[in-house]
């Protein structure tokens, strides 16, 4: 298998992984019983004031418990780290900070809007802020890990020069795609 075929296969595998990630994310945001997503509200619930819910959780940590605070704040950040990381791998345009931030914010806003319209969960501008931060951290992780990966890949390319089958076992992230 030539390396360009391997690159294509890797891109397909990463795309499939991204799709599975998004499906799982949608499930947890809209359907997971563990997060009371099986209970619909009679009213629309929303917060349009930035940092209001974040402050409420931090100021009332004794009521929510450290687990509740971490789940709400750190969880909303952590769940979007793979989003920022994977979109940067999948397409070069998402390696631009403003594009990546917009993509994370837009996807988060879509999820929050679906929660509002279905009356499952609530629309919270703080979640959009935290999710967007997570997407940005994923992009930063991509930029931190990419040179390490490229260096390792280049060492393997030199070691196995001329032996395409061994080099094909290495995942490639083409800098030009």
Protein backbone atom coordinates (compact mmCIF):
# COMPACT_ATOMS: atom_id res chain seq x y z
CA UNK A 1 0.00 0.00 0.00
CA UNK A 2 1.42 3.38 -0.99
CA UNK A 3 1.64 6.13 1.60
CA UNK A 4 -1.00 8.24 -0.21
CA UNK A 5 -3.42 5.33 0.04
CA UNK A 6 -2.51 5.01 3.71
CA UNK A 7 -3.09 8.75 4.19
CA UNK A 8 -6.55 8.35 2.65
CA UNK A 9 -7.32 5.33 4.84
CA UNK A 10 -6.14 7.22 7.93
CA UNK A 11 -8.31 10.20 7.03
CA UNK A 12 -11.34 7.91 6.60
CA UNK A 13 -10.66 6.23 9.96
CA UNK A 14 -10.27 9.59 11.71
CA UNK A 15 -13.45 10.88 10.06
CA UNK A 16 -15.34 7.81 11.27
CA UNK A 17 -13.90 8.32 14.77
CA UNK A 18 -15.03 11.97 14.68
CA UNK A 19 -18.55 10.94 13.60
CA UNK A 20 -18.75 8.39 16.44
CA UNK A 21 -17.53 11.07 18.88
CA UNK A 22 -20.24 13.49 17.68
CA UNK A 23 -22.94 10.80 17.95
CA UNK A 24 -21.87 10.01 21.52
CA UNK A 25 -21.76 13.73 22.35
CA UNK A 26 -25.27 14.26 20.96
CA UNK A 27 -26.50 11.25 22.91
CA UNK A 28 -25.15 12.61 26.21
CA UNK A 29 -26.41 16.12 25.53
CA UNK A 30 -29.90 15.14 24.43
CA UNK A 31 -30.78 11.60 25.52
CA UNK A 32 -28.64 10.32 28.43
CA UNK A 33 -30.80 9.36 31.42
CA UNK A 34 -27.82 9.83 33.77
CA UNK A 35 -28.01 13.56 33.02
CA UNK A 36 -31.81 13.71 33.38
CA UNK A 37 -32.21 13.95 29.61
CA UNK A 38 -35.20 11.63 29.77
CA UNK A 39 -37.18 14.29 31.64
CA UNK A 40 -38.63 17.08 29.56
CA UNK A 41 -39.61 20.38 31.09
CA UNK A 42 -42.94 22.10 30.56
CA UNK A 43 -41.13 25.41 30.24
CA UNK A 44 -38.21 26.56 28.17
CA UNK A 45 -35.15 26.86 30.40
CA UNK A 46 -32.34 29.16 29.39
CA UNK A 47 -29.57 31.45 30.59
CA UNK A 48 -28.47 34.27 28.31
CA UNK A 49 -26.25 36.08 30.84
CA UNK A 50 -22.56 35.17 30.37
CA UNK A 51 -20.86 33.64 33.44
CA UNK A 52 -24.09 33.63 35.50
CA UNK A 53 -24.26 29.83 35.88
CA UNK A 54 -20.50 29.49 36.25
CA UNK A 55 -20.58 31.99 39.14
CA UNK A 56 -23.61 30.24 40.64
CA UNK A 57 -21.82 26.90 40.66
CA UNK A 58 -18.61 28.36 42.06
CA UNK A 59 -20.38 30.44 44.72
CA UNK A 60 -22.57 27.52 45.81
CA UNK A 61 -20.06 24.69 45.68
CA UNK A 62 -21.16 23.55 49.15
CA UNK A 63 -24.67 23.00 47.76
CA UNK A 64 -23.66 21.38 44.45
CA UNK A 65 -20.66 19.57 45.85
CA UNK A 66 -17.27 19.46 44.21
CA UNK A 67 -18.50 16.73 41.87
CA UNK A 68 -21.37 18.87 40.63
CA UNK A 69 -19.13 21.88 40.10
CA UNK A 70 -16.51 19.80 38.26
CA UNK A 71 -19.15 18.07 36.15
CA UNK A 72 -20.67 21.37 35.07
CA UNK A 73 -17.55 23.48 34.56
CA UNK A 74 -14.68 21.10 33.82
CA UNK A 75 -17.00 18.64 32.11
CA UNK A 76 -18.25 21.23 29.63
CA UNK A 77 -14.65 22.10 28.79
CA UNK A 78 -13.36 18.52 28.63
CA UNK A 79 -16.13 17.19 26.43
CA UNK A 80 -15.16 19.57 23.60
CA UNK A 81 -11.38 19.04 23.71
CA UNK A 82 -11.63 16.12 21.24
CA UNK A 83 -13.73 18.33 18.96
CA UNK A 84 -10.97 20.93 18.59
CA UNK A 85 -8.25 18.30 18.30
CA UNK A 86 -10.00 16.16 15.70
CA UNK A 87 -11.21 18.94 13.41
CA UNK A 88 -7.62 20.26 13.27
CA UNK A 89 -6.42 16.83 12.18
CA UNK A 90 -9.19 16.37 9.64
CA UNK A 91 -8.86 19.65 7.78
CA UNK A 92 -6.18 22.32 7.61
CA UNK A 93 -8.69 25.20 7.66
CA UNK A 94 -9.59 24.30 11.27
CA UNK A 95 -5.97 24.89 12.31
CA UNK A 96 -6.69 28.60 12.20
CA UNK A 97 -7.64 29.69 15.71
CA UNK A 98 -10.60 31.87 14.68
CA UNK A 99 -12.05 29.13 12.45
CA UNK A 100 -11.67 26.49 15.15
CA UNK A 101 -13.22 28.74 17.80
CA UNK A 102 -16.13 29.54 15.49
CA UNK A 103 -16.70 25.84 14.70
CA UNK A 104 -16.71 24.85 18.39
CA UNK A 105 -18.99 27.75 19.33
CA UNK A 106 -21.37 27.06 16.44
CA UNK A 107 -21.61 23.33 17.19
CA UNK A 108 -22.13 24.05 20.88
CA UNK A 109 -24.81 26.65 20.09
CA UNK A 110 -26.60 24.12 17.89
CA UNK A 111 -26.56 21.56 20.72
CA UNK A 112 -27.78 24.15 23.24
CA UNK A 113 -30.56 25.24 20.87
CA UNK A 114 -31.66 21.63 20.41
CA UNK A 115 -31.81 21.27 24.19
CA UNK A 116 -33.98 24.39 24.38
CA UNK A 117 -36.32 23.38 21.55
CA UNK A 118 -36.78 19.84 22.84
CA UNK A 119 -37.08 21.12 26.43
CA UNK A 120 -34.43 18.58 27.44
CA UNK A 121 -31.79 20.32 29.49
CA UNK A 122 -31.48 24.04 29.02
CA UNK A 123 -29.91 26.60 26.74
CA UNK A 124 -26.99 28.06 28.65
CA UNK A 125 -24.62 30.63 27.17
CA UNK A 126 -22.07 29.55 29.79
CA UNK A 127 -22.05 26.05 28.30
CA UNK A 128 -21.25 27.58 24.91
CA UNK A 129 -18.39 29.54 26.46
CA UNK A 130 -17.01 26.47 28.26
CA UNK A 131 -17.47 24.19 25.23
CA UNK A 132 -15.70 26.73 23.02
CA UNK A 133 -12.83 26.88 25.52
CA UNK A 134 -12.63 23.08 25.30
CA UNK A 135 -12.47 23.25 21.51
CA UNK A 136 -9.66 25.81 21.76
CA UNK A 137 -7.76 23.58 24.21
CA UNK A 138 -8.12 20.71 21.74
CA UNK A 139 -6.59 22.87 19.02
CA UNK A 140 -3.74 23.83 21.36
CA UNK A 141 -3.19 20.13 22.13
CA UNK A 142 -3.01 19.49 18.37
CA UNK A 143 -0.32 22.15 17.96
CA UNK A 144 1.64 20.81 20.95
CA UNK A 145 1.48 17.16 19.83
CA UNK A 146 1.89 17.66 16.09
CA UNK A 147 5.65 18.45 16.12
CA UNK A 148 6.26 15.38 18.27
CA UNK A 149 4.28 13.25 15.83
CA UNK A 150 6.00 14.75 12.76
CA UNK A 151 9.45 14.20 14.29
CA UNK A 152 8.59 10.58 15.11
CA UNK A 153 7.13 10.03 11.63
CA UNK A 154 10.24 11.50 9.97
CA UNK A 155 12.49 9.22 12.04
CA UNK A 156 10.45 6.20 10.94
CA UNK A 157 10.48 7.34 7.32
CA UNK A 158 14.30 7.46 7.45
CA UNK A 159 14.53 4.13 9.26
CA UNK A 160 12.24 2.32 6.83
CA UNK A 161 13.13 4.22 3.65
CA UNK A 162 12.21 2.05 0.70
CA UNK A 163 10.06 -0.33 2.75
CA UNK A 164 6.57 1.08 2.11
CA UNK A 165 4.71 -1.63 4.01
CA UNK A 166 6.41 -0.82 7.34
CA UNK A 167 6.00 2.92 6.89
CA UNK A 168 2.29 2.39 6.14
CA UNK A 169 1.80 1.14 9.69
CA UNK A 170 2.36 4.71 10.89
CA UNK A 171 -0.57 7.15 11.02
CA UNK A 172 0.10 10.16 8.84
CA UNK A 173 -1.19 13.68 9.26
CA UNK A 174 -0.22 15.39 6.06
CA UNK A 175 0.85 18.98 6.67
CA UNK A 176 -0.56 20.13 3.32
CA UNK A 177 -4.11 18.78 3.68
